Amino acid sequence: MLHAYGFPDQFISLLSHCFQIVSSILVNGCKTDPFLSKCGLRQGDPLSPYLFILAINHLSIFIQEELDNKK
């Protein structure tokens, strides 16, 4: 999606690296062993709303184009 908006590859790579940082979670109050995230954002990540807006805007444009073409 970021490619579609013209973001440079270096910026996209930097964001992807942020998502894959080793992390752990709390399960019943106990911290788990660290693991690599394969996709998505952590809950409460400040980037989440911005990336959602970019994605939903692109989806909205796609739906409008399909409606205009009567598909």
Protein backbone atom coordinates (compact mmCIF):
# COMPACT_ATOMS: atom_id res chain seq x y z
CA MET A 1 0.00 0.00 0.00
CA LEU A 2 2.82 2.38 0.80
CA HIS A 3 4.29 1.75 -2.66
CA ALA A 4 0.96 2.82 -4.18
CA TYR A 5 1.24 6.16 -2.38
CA GLY A 6 4.80 6.65 -3.61
CA PHE A 7 6.68 6.20 -0.34
CA PRO A 8 10.38 5.44 -0.95
CA ASP A 9 11.62 1.86 -0.51
CA GLN A 10 14.02 2.91 2.24
CA PHE A 11 11.13 4.34 4.33
CA ILE A 12 9.01 1.21 3.79
CA SER A 13 11.94 -0.98 4.79
CA LEU A 14 12.42 1.08 7.96
CA LEU A 15 8.75 0.68 8.90
CA SER A 16 8.88 -3.06 8.22
CA HIS A 17 11.91 -3.37 10.47
CA CYS A 18 9.99 -1.62 13.27
CA PHE A 19 7.26 -4.27 13.06
CA GLN A 20 9.72 -7.15 13.28
CA ILE A 21 11.59 -6.04 16.38
CA VAL A 22 11.92 -8.82 18.94
CA SER A 23 9.20 -8.50 21.55
CA SER A 24 7.43 -10.40 24.28
CA ILE A 25 3.96 -10.27 25.80
CA LEU A 26 2.41 -10.83 29.20
CA VAL A 27 0.39 -14.02 29.66
CA ASN A 28 -1.37 -14.23 33.03
CA GLY A 29 1.06 -11.63 34.36
CA CYS A 30 4.19 -13.53 33.26
CA LYS A 31 6.45 -12.24 30.49
CA THR A 32 6.92 -14.71 27.60
CA ASP A 33 10.17 -15.48 25.81
CA PRO A 34 11.07 -12.96 23.08
CA PHE A 35 9.79 -13.71 19.57
CA LEU A 36 9.88 -12.14 16.11
CA SER A 37 6.67 -10.58 14.85
CA LYS A 38 5.88 -11.74 11.31
CA CYS A 39 3.14 -9.24 10.47
CA GLY A 40 0.95 -6.54 11.90
CA LEU A 41 1.39 -3.95 14.60
CA ARG A 42 1.35 -4.25 18.34
CA GLN A 43 -1.77 -3.10 20.11
CA GLY A 44 -1.57 0.62 20.84
CA ASP A 45 1.22 1.25 18.31
CA PRO A 46 1.12 4.96 17.37
CA LEU A 47 1.63 4.13 13.67
CA SER A 48 -1.50 2.01 13.51
CA PRO A 49 -4.06 4.80 12.92
CA TYR A 50 -1.95 6.41 10.20
CA LEU A 51 -1.41 3.17 8.30
CA PHE A 52 -5.12 2.34 8.68
CA ILE A 53 -6.09 5.70 7.16
CA LEU A 54 -3.77 5.11 4.18
CA ALA A 55 -5.15 1.62 3.61
CA ILE A 56 -8.83 2.51 4.03
CA ASN A 57 -8.46 5.52 1.73
CA HIS A 58 -7.05 3.30 -1.02
CA LEU A 59 -9.85 0.76 -0.46
CA SER A 60 -12.44 3.54 -0.66
CA ILE A 61 -11.02 4.75 -3.99
CA PHE A 62 -11.04 1.17 -5.35
CA ILE A 63 -14.69 0.64 -4.30
CA GLN A 64 -15.73 3.95 -5.85
CA GLU A 65 -14.00 3.03 -9.14
CA GLU A 66 -15.80 -0.30 -9.17
CA LEU A 67 -19.15 1.39 -8.52
CA ASP A 68 -18.47 3.87 -11.31
CA ASN A 69 -17.76 0.93 -13.66
CA LYS A 70 -20.95 -0.82 -12.44
CA LYS A 71 -19.11 -3.89 -11.16
